[in-house]
Amino acid sequence: MKIEQLRVLCEVVDQGFSMSRAADALDISQPNVSKQMRLLEEHLAVDLLLRRGGRIIGMTEPGQEVLKVARRIVLDAGNLKSIGEDYRRGDRGRLSIATTHFIARYLLTDCIELFHQRFPKVEITLHETTQRHALDMLQSTEADVGILSEPPRGGIGVVQLLSQRKIALSLIAPPHHPLLARRLVTLDVIARYPLVQLDPTLSGGWNVKRAFERAGLSPNVVMTAGNIEVVKAYVARGLGVAILPSLCVEAEHDPDLDKLDAGHLIPPMPHFIGLHPESFVRGYVYDFIETFSPEWTKRRVSRRMRQSLD
């Protein structure tokens, strides 16, 4: 039995039992995937996959137990390689970050610039995705670290570090809009105007929707969009106003928009750092975390990860 066979098993399961997708993910041929699976089952003398009519439809009971062990072995094999690289080439390697588009665009730019200046030989891969997929990437160790817009609920095996960085919200409208002339706005007043809303499935949209609901208000939502830049574009066209993170509107880049602080209406949004508790964290990953959120030093992160395993 070889570690590569266990890695193939994990990938076949992660790809929904598709041999072709597993082959693409592993960058090997599909016949080789089938061969490695057959050799593993022959070595263990047990069927791992449920097959019906030439199709794989799931896992056998022993297959589920083997998968648990296989994931640990594959993870530990990766950790061993990372340990060697960290001591041999501590200032070079790869850093895979899973996060949302908003965080990648507005929160990480300065952080990544500073990190790159310190570690120019570290190749950074920034995965802009959903909160749910970011958790999946952390659980599978496809990502080294996740920067999340809400706690990793359902993220079994993910260590959560609350960042002190919080994002204030503002009312966004075209310049000279009557709401911007007010010194202080209320949700009741905002609800009288057309509203362009960020998708409530996103944390920023959900916070706004919940604030109106708690106030017993039903705003006039004329449009819902899943991207902040799209919301901004339609607000600039005069379709309505919006409540968005303050830092997404900058006078230099958004001359057709202006903003008014709404922090008294909706609390600032916190952010979270996610890690896999059993992964070896290379030295420069700690540096990245501390660059993003200085209160999380290597000692504090290490202690939290040890606590998660107790």
Protein backbone atom coordinates (compact mmCIF):
# COMPACT_ATOMS: atom_id res chain seq x y z
CA MET A 1 0.00 0.00 0.00
CA LYS A 2 1.25 3.46 -0.91
CA ILE A 3 0.33 6.92 0.33
CA GLU A 4 -0.51 7.83 -3.25
CA GLN A 5 -3.29 5.22 -3.22
CA LEU A 6 -4.75 6.76 -0.08
CA ARG A 7 -4.52 10.19 -1.67
CA VAL A 8 -6.43 8.87 -4.69
CA LEU A 9 -9.14 7.46 -2.42
CA CYS A 10 -9.58 10.81 -0.68
CA GLU A 11 -9.76 12.67 -3.98
CA VAL A 12 -12.29 10.26 -5.50
CA VAL A 13 -14.56 10.85 -2.51
CA ASP A 14 -13.99 14.62 -2.54
CA GLN A 15 -14.86 14.73 -6.24
CA GLY A 16 -18.23 13.08 -5.69
CA PHE A 17 -16.99 9.61 -6.76
CA SER A 18 -16.09 10.88 -10.22
CA MET A 19 -12.95 9.15 -11.48
CA SER A 20 -12.49 11.72 -14.24
CA ARG A 21 -12.67 14.71 -11.91
CA ALA A 22 -10.35 12.99 -9.44
CA ALA A 23 -7.88 12.36 -12.27
CA ASP A 24 -8.00 16.05 -13.26
CA ALA A 25 -7.50 17.16 -9.65
CA LEU A 26 -4.54 14.81 -9.17
CA ASP A 27 -3.14 15.51 -12.66
CA ILE A 28 -2.98 11.81 -13.55
CA SER A 29 -4.88 9.69 -16.05
CA GLN A 30 -8.30 8.25 -15.29
CA PRO A 31 -7.10 4.65 -15.87
CA ASN A 32 -4.37 5.29 -13.29
CA VAL A 33 -6.98 6.43 -10.76
CA SER A 34 -8.96 3.24 -11.33
CA LYS A 35 -5.79 1.16 -11.07
CA GLN A 36 -4.73 2.76 -7.76
CA MET A 37 -8.19 2.18 -6.30
CA ARG A 38 -8.15 -1.45 -7.40
CA LEU A 39 -4.67 -2.02 -5.91
CA LEU A 40 -5.74 -0.47 -2.62
CA GLU A 41 -8.83 -2.66 -2.37
CA GLU A 42 -6.79 -5.74 -3.25
CA HIS A 43 -4.20 -4.89 -0.59
CA LEU A 44 -6.87 -4.40 2.08
CA ALA A 45 -8.91 -7.36 0.81
CA VAL A 46 -12.16 -5.39 1.12
CA ASP A 47 -14.38 -3.32 -1.15
CA LEU A 48 -14.16 0.38 -0.33
CA LEU A 49 -16.55 1.77 -2.94
CA LEU A 50 -20.15 0.83 -3.66
CA ARG A 51 -20.60 0.10 -7.35
CA ARG A 52 -23.78 -0.35 -9.33
CA GLY A 53 -23.90 -0.93 -13.04
CA GLY A 54 -20.33 0.24 -13.52
CA ARG A 55 -20.96 3.43 -11.53
CA ILE A 56 -19.68 4.35 -8.08
CA ILE A 57 -22.61 5.40 -5.91
CA GLY A 58 -21.01 5.65 -2.48
CA MET A 59 -18.80 3.94 0.08
CA THR A 60 -19.04 0.67 1.91
CA GLU A 61 -18.99 0.64 5.71
CA PRO A 62 -15.34 -0.48 5.84
CA GLY A 63 -14.60 2.08 3.15
CA GLN A 64 -15.84 4.87 5.42
CA GLU A 65 -13.52 3.71 8.21
CA VAL A 66 -10.57 3.42 5.83
CA LEU A 67 -11.28 6.93 4.53
CA LYS A 68 -10.96 8.40 8.05
CA VAL A 69 -7.53 6.82 8.49
CA ALA A 70 -6.51 7.68 4.93
CA ARG A 71 -7.25 11.36 5.49
CA ARG A 72 -5.11 11.41 8.62
CA ILE A 73 -2.23 9.68 6.86
CA VAL A 74 -2.38 11.98 3.83
CA LEU A 75 -2.54 15.02 6.11
CA ASP A 76 0.40 13.83 8.20
CA ALA A 77 2.42 13.06 5.08
CA GLY A 78 1.85 16.62 3.95
CA ASN A 79 2.82 17.88 7.41
CA LEU A 80 6.10 15.94 7.27
CA LYS A 81 6.92 17.53 3.94
CA SER A 82 5.99 20.98 5.26
CA ILE A 83 8.19 20.54 8.35
CA GLY A 84 11.17 19.68 6.19
CA GLU A 85 10.54 22.62 3.88
CA ASP A 86 10.04 25.00 6.78
CA TYR A 87 13.43 24.20 8.28
CA ARG A 88 15.20 23.88 4.94
CA ARG A 89 13.56 26.79 3.08
CA GLY A 90 11.77 28.84 5.69
CA ASP A 91 11.47 31.93 3.52
CA ARG A 92 9.99 30.29 0.43
CA GLY A 93 7.04 28.10 -0.44
CA ARG A 94 3.34 28.58 -1.09
CA LEU A 95 0.54 30.23 0.85
CA SER A 96 -3.03 29.31 -0.06
CA ILE A 97 -5.71 31.66 1.29
CA ALA A 98 -9.45 30.97 1.05
CA THR A 99 -11.71 33.99 1.45
CA THR A 100 -14.59 35.95 -0.04
CA HIS A 101 -14.38 38.49 -2.84
CA PHE A 102 -15.07 41.40 -0.48
CA ILE A 103 -12.27 40.45 1.92
CA ALA A 104 -9.85 39.76 -0.94
CA ARG A 105 -10.63 43.12 -2.56
CA TYR A 106 -10.89 45.41 0.44
CA LEU A 107 -9.27 43.83 3.51
CA LEU A 108 -6.30 41.85 2.28
CA THR A 109 -4.64 44.20 -0.20
CA ASP A 110 -2.43 46.00 2.34
CA CYS A 111 -1.82 42.81 4.29
CA ILE A 112 -0.69 40.83 1.26
CA GLU A 113 1.48 43.70 0.03
CA LEU A 114 3.30 43.85 3.38
CA PHE A 115 3.60 40.07 3.54
CA HIS A 116 5.03 39.91 0.01
CA GLN A 117 7.63 42.52 0.91
CA ARG A 118 8.77 40.32 3.82
CA PHE A 119 8.51 37.00 1.96
CA PRO A 120 9.04 37.70 -1.76
CA LYS A 121 9.80 34.03 -2.44
CA VAL A 122 6.44 32.79 -1.11
CA GLU A 123 3.92 32.21 -3.91
CA ILE A 124 0.47 33.39 -2.80
CA THR A 125 -2.71 31.79 -4.12
CA LEU A 126 -5.86 33.73 -3.29
CA HIS A 127 -9.06 31.71 -3.62
CA GLU A 128 -12.08 34.04 -3.88
CA THR A 129 -15.04 31.86 -3.00
CA THR A 130 -18.03 31.46 -0.72
CA GLN A 131 -17.88 31.04 3.04
CA ARG A 132 -19.01 27.42 2.73
CA HIS A 133 -16.41 26.51 0.12
CA ALA A 134 -13.69 28.30 2.09
CA LEU A 135 -14.53 26.00 5.03
CA ASP A 136 -14.36 22.96 2.75
CA MET A 137 -10.93 24.07 1.54
CA LEU A 138 -9.72 24.42 5.14
CA GLN A 139 -11.09 21.04 6.15
CA SER A 140 -9.42 19.35 3.20
CA THR A 141 -6.20 21.38 3.79
CA GLU A 142 -6.43 22.70 0.23
CA ALA A 143 -6.11 26.12 1.88
CA ASP A 144 -3.54 26.96 4.56
CA VAL A 145 -5.62 29.71 6.11
CA GLY A 146 -9.08 31.17 5.68
CA ILE A 147 -10.23 34.73 6.27
CA LEU A 148 -13.94 34.44 6.93
CA SER A 149 -16.76 36.96 7.24
CA GLU A 150 -18.63 34.95 9.87
CA PRO A 151 -17.86 32.19 12.40
CA PRO A 152 -17.18 28.80 10.76
CA ARG A 153 -20.49 27.22 11.76
CA GLY A 154 -20.50 23.62 10.67
CA GLY A 155 -16.78 23.84 10.06
CA ILE A 156 -15.87 20.73 12.01
CA GLY A 157 -12.14 20.57 12.52
CA VAL A 158 -11.56 24.26 11.82
CA VAL A 159 -9.90 26.42 14.47
CA GLN A 160 -11.60 29.81 14.74
CA LEU A 161 -9.60 32.94 15.62
CA LEU A 162 -11.69 36.09 16.10
CA SER A 163 -9.97 39.08 14.54
CA GLN A 164 -10.18 42.50 16.16
CA ARG A 165 -10.62 44.00 12.72
CA LYS A 166 -14.26 45.05 12.38
CA ILE A 167 -15.86 46.61 9.35
CA ALA A 168 -18.17 49.58 9.81
CA LEU A 169 -21.18 50.10 7.55
CA SER A 170 -22.33 53.25 5.76
CA LEU A 171 -25.32 54.46 3.84
CA ILE A 172 -24.26 54.69 0.18
CA ALA A 173 -25.98 57.05 -2.24
CA PRO A 174 -25.23 59.35 -5.17
CA PRO A 175 -23.80 62.76 -4.17
CA HIS A 176 -26.41 65.34 -3.17
CA HIS A 177 -28.94 62.63 -2.27
CA PRO A 178 -31.32 64.09 0.39
CA LEU A 179 -30.41 61.36 2.89
CA LEU A 180 -26.77 62.46 2.84
CA ALA A 181 -27.77 65.95 3.97
CA ARG A 182 -28.97 64.55 7.29
CA ARG A 183 -26.59 64.60 10.22
CA LEU A 184 -28.02 61.34 11.49
CA VAL A 185 -30.16 58.83 9.61
CA THR A 186 -32.49 56.17 11.01
CA LEU A 187 -33.63 52.89 9.51
CA ASP A 188 -37.17 54.24 9.44
CA VAL A 189 -36.07 57.14 7.21
CA ILE A 190 -33.96 54.90 4.96
CA ALA A 191 -36.93 52.53 4.52
CA ARG A 192 -38.85 55.33 2.78
CA TYR A 193 -36.41 55.29 -0.14
CA PRO A 194 -35.73 52.57 -2.76
CA LEU A 195 -33.05 50.18 -1.51
CA VAL A 196 -30.48 48.21 -3.52
CA GLN A 197 -29.63 45.29 -1.27
CA LEU A 198 -26.63 43.00 -1.04
CA ASP A 199 -27.69 39.36 -1.20
CA PRO A 200 -28.86 38.30 2.32
CA THR A 201 -27.01 35.00 1.95
CA LEU A 202 -23.83 37.07 2.35
CA SER A 203 -22.95 38.32 5.81
CA GLY A 204 -23.10 42.00 4.81
CA GLY A 205 -26.55 41.58 3.27
CA TRP A 206 -27.83 39.47 6.13
CA ASN A 207 -26.79 42.05 8.75
CA VAL A 208 -28.72 44.77 6.94
CA LYS A 209 -31.80 42.60 6.39
CA ARG A 210 -31.82 41.54 10.05
CA ALA A 211 -31.50 45.17 11.24
CA PHE A 212 -34.64 46.19 9.32
CA GLU A 213 -36.53 43.12 10.55
CA ARG A 214 -35.61 43.81 14.17
CA ALA A 215 -36.87 47.36 13.75
CA GLY A 216 -40.15 46.01 12.36
CA LEU A 217 -39.55 47.67 9.00
CA SER A 218 -40.06 46.45 5.43
CA PRO A 219 -37.79 48.51 3.16
CA ASN A 220 -38.60 49.05 -0.50
CA VAL A 221 -36.03 46.63 -1.98
CA VAL A 222 -35.90 47.32 -5.72
CA MET A 223 -32.93 45.08 -6.46
CA THR A 224 -30.79 42.42 -4.81
CA ALA A 225 -27.28 41.56 -6.06
CA GLY A 226 -24.57 39.20 -4.89
CA ASN A 227 -21.61 41.46 -5.58
CA ILE A 228 -20.76 44.74 -3.85
CA GLU A 229 -19.43 46.28 -7.06
CA VAL A 230 -22.73 45.54 -8.81
CA VAL A 231 -24.70 47.12 -5.94
CA LYS A 232 -22.48 50.21 -6.15
CA ALA A 233 -22.96 50.47 -9.91
CA TYR A 234 -26.75 50.55 -9.65
CA VAL A 235 -26.73 52.95 -6.71
CA ALA A 236 -24.56 55.28 -8.81
CA ARG A 237 -27.20 55.06 -11.57
CA GLY A 238 -29.83 56.29 -9.11
CA LEU A 239 -31.77 53.04 -8.74
CA GLY A 240 -31.72 53.36 -4.94
CA VAL A 241 -29.52 53.65 -1.89
CA ALA A 242 -27.60 50.86 -0.15
CA ILE A 243 -25.98 50.01 3.16
CA LEU A 244 -22.50 48.60 2.53
CA PRO A 245 -19.12 48.32 4.26
CA SER A 246 -17.71 51.84 4.52
CA LEU A 247 -14.32 51.02 3.03
CA CYS A 248 -15.80 49.83 -0.27
CA VAL A 249 -16.54 53.42 -1.29
CA GLU A 250 -13.54 55.68 -1.86
CA ALA A 251 -13.80 59.24 -3.15
CA GLU A 252 -10.89 58.72 -5.53
CA HIS A 253 -12.38 55.64 -7.20
CA ASP A 254 -16.10 56.28 -6.75
CA PRO A 255 -16.81 59.90 -7.78
CA ASP A 256 -20.48 59.03 -8.42
CA LEU A 257 -21.04 57.87 -4.84
CA ASP A 258 -20.93 59.32 -1.37
CA LYS A 259 -21.47 57.79 2.06
CA LEU A 260 -22.81 58.53 5.53
CA ASP A 261 -21.81 56.56 8.62
CA ALA A 262 -24.43 53.99 9.66
CA GLY A 263 -22.51 52.48 12.56
CA HIS A 264 -25.22 53.56 15.01
CA LEU A 265 -27.76 51.51 13.05
CA ILE A 266 -25.90 48.25 12.44
CA PRO A 267 -22.93 46.99 14.51
CA PRO A 268 -19.59 46.64 12.71
CA MET A 269 -18.97 43.23 11.14
CA PRO A 270 -16.27 41.06 12.76
CA HIS A 271 -13.96 38.75 10.81
CA PHE A 272 -12.46 35.38 11.59
CA ILE A 273 -9.30 33.49 10.77
CA GLY A 274 -9.66 29.76 10.13
CA LEU A 275 -7.01 27.02 10.33
CA HIS A 276 -6.97 23.24 10.24
CA PRO A 277 -5.99 22.14 13.79
CA GLU A 278 -3.92 19.18 12.66
CA SER A 279 -2.00 20.88 9.88
CA PHE A 280 1.59 21.92 10.37
CA VAL A 281 1.62 25.71 10.19
CA ARG A 282 4.72 26.99 8.45
CA GLY A 283 6.48 29.96 9.98
CA TYR A 284 5.45 32.43 7.30
CA VAL A 285 1.77 31.49 7.78
CA TYR A 286 2.01 32.75 11.35
CA ASP A 287 3.55 35.94 9.96
CA PHE A 288 0.66 36.35 7.54
CA ILE A 289 -1.90 35.92 10.33
CA GLU A 290 -0.11 38.45 12.53
CA THR A 291 0.12 40.89 9.62
CA PHE A 292 -3.65 40.67 9.09
CA SER A 293 -4.54 40.68 12.78
CA PRO A 294 -1.57 41.75 14.99
CA GLU A 295 -3.14 40.49 18.22
CA TRP A 296 -2.74 36.90 17.00
CA THR A 297 0.94 36.19 17.63
CA LYS A 298 2.51 32.82 16.90
CA ARG A 299 2.30 31.88 20.58
CA ARG A 300 -1.40 32.67 20.83
CA VAL A 301 -2.25 30.86 17.59
CA SER A 302 -0.26 27.77 18.65
CA ARG A 303 -1.98 27.71 22.03
CA ARG A 304 -5.44 27.91 20.46
CA MET A 305 -4.62 25.08 18.06
CA ARG A 306 -3.39 22.87 20.91
CA GLN A 307 -6.56 23.60 22.88
CA SER A 308 -8.70 22.53 19.92
CA LEU A 309 -7.05 19.09 19.98
CA ASP A 310 -7.50 18.52 23.73
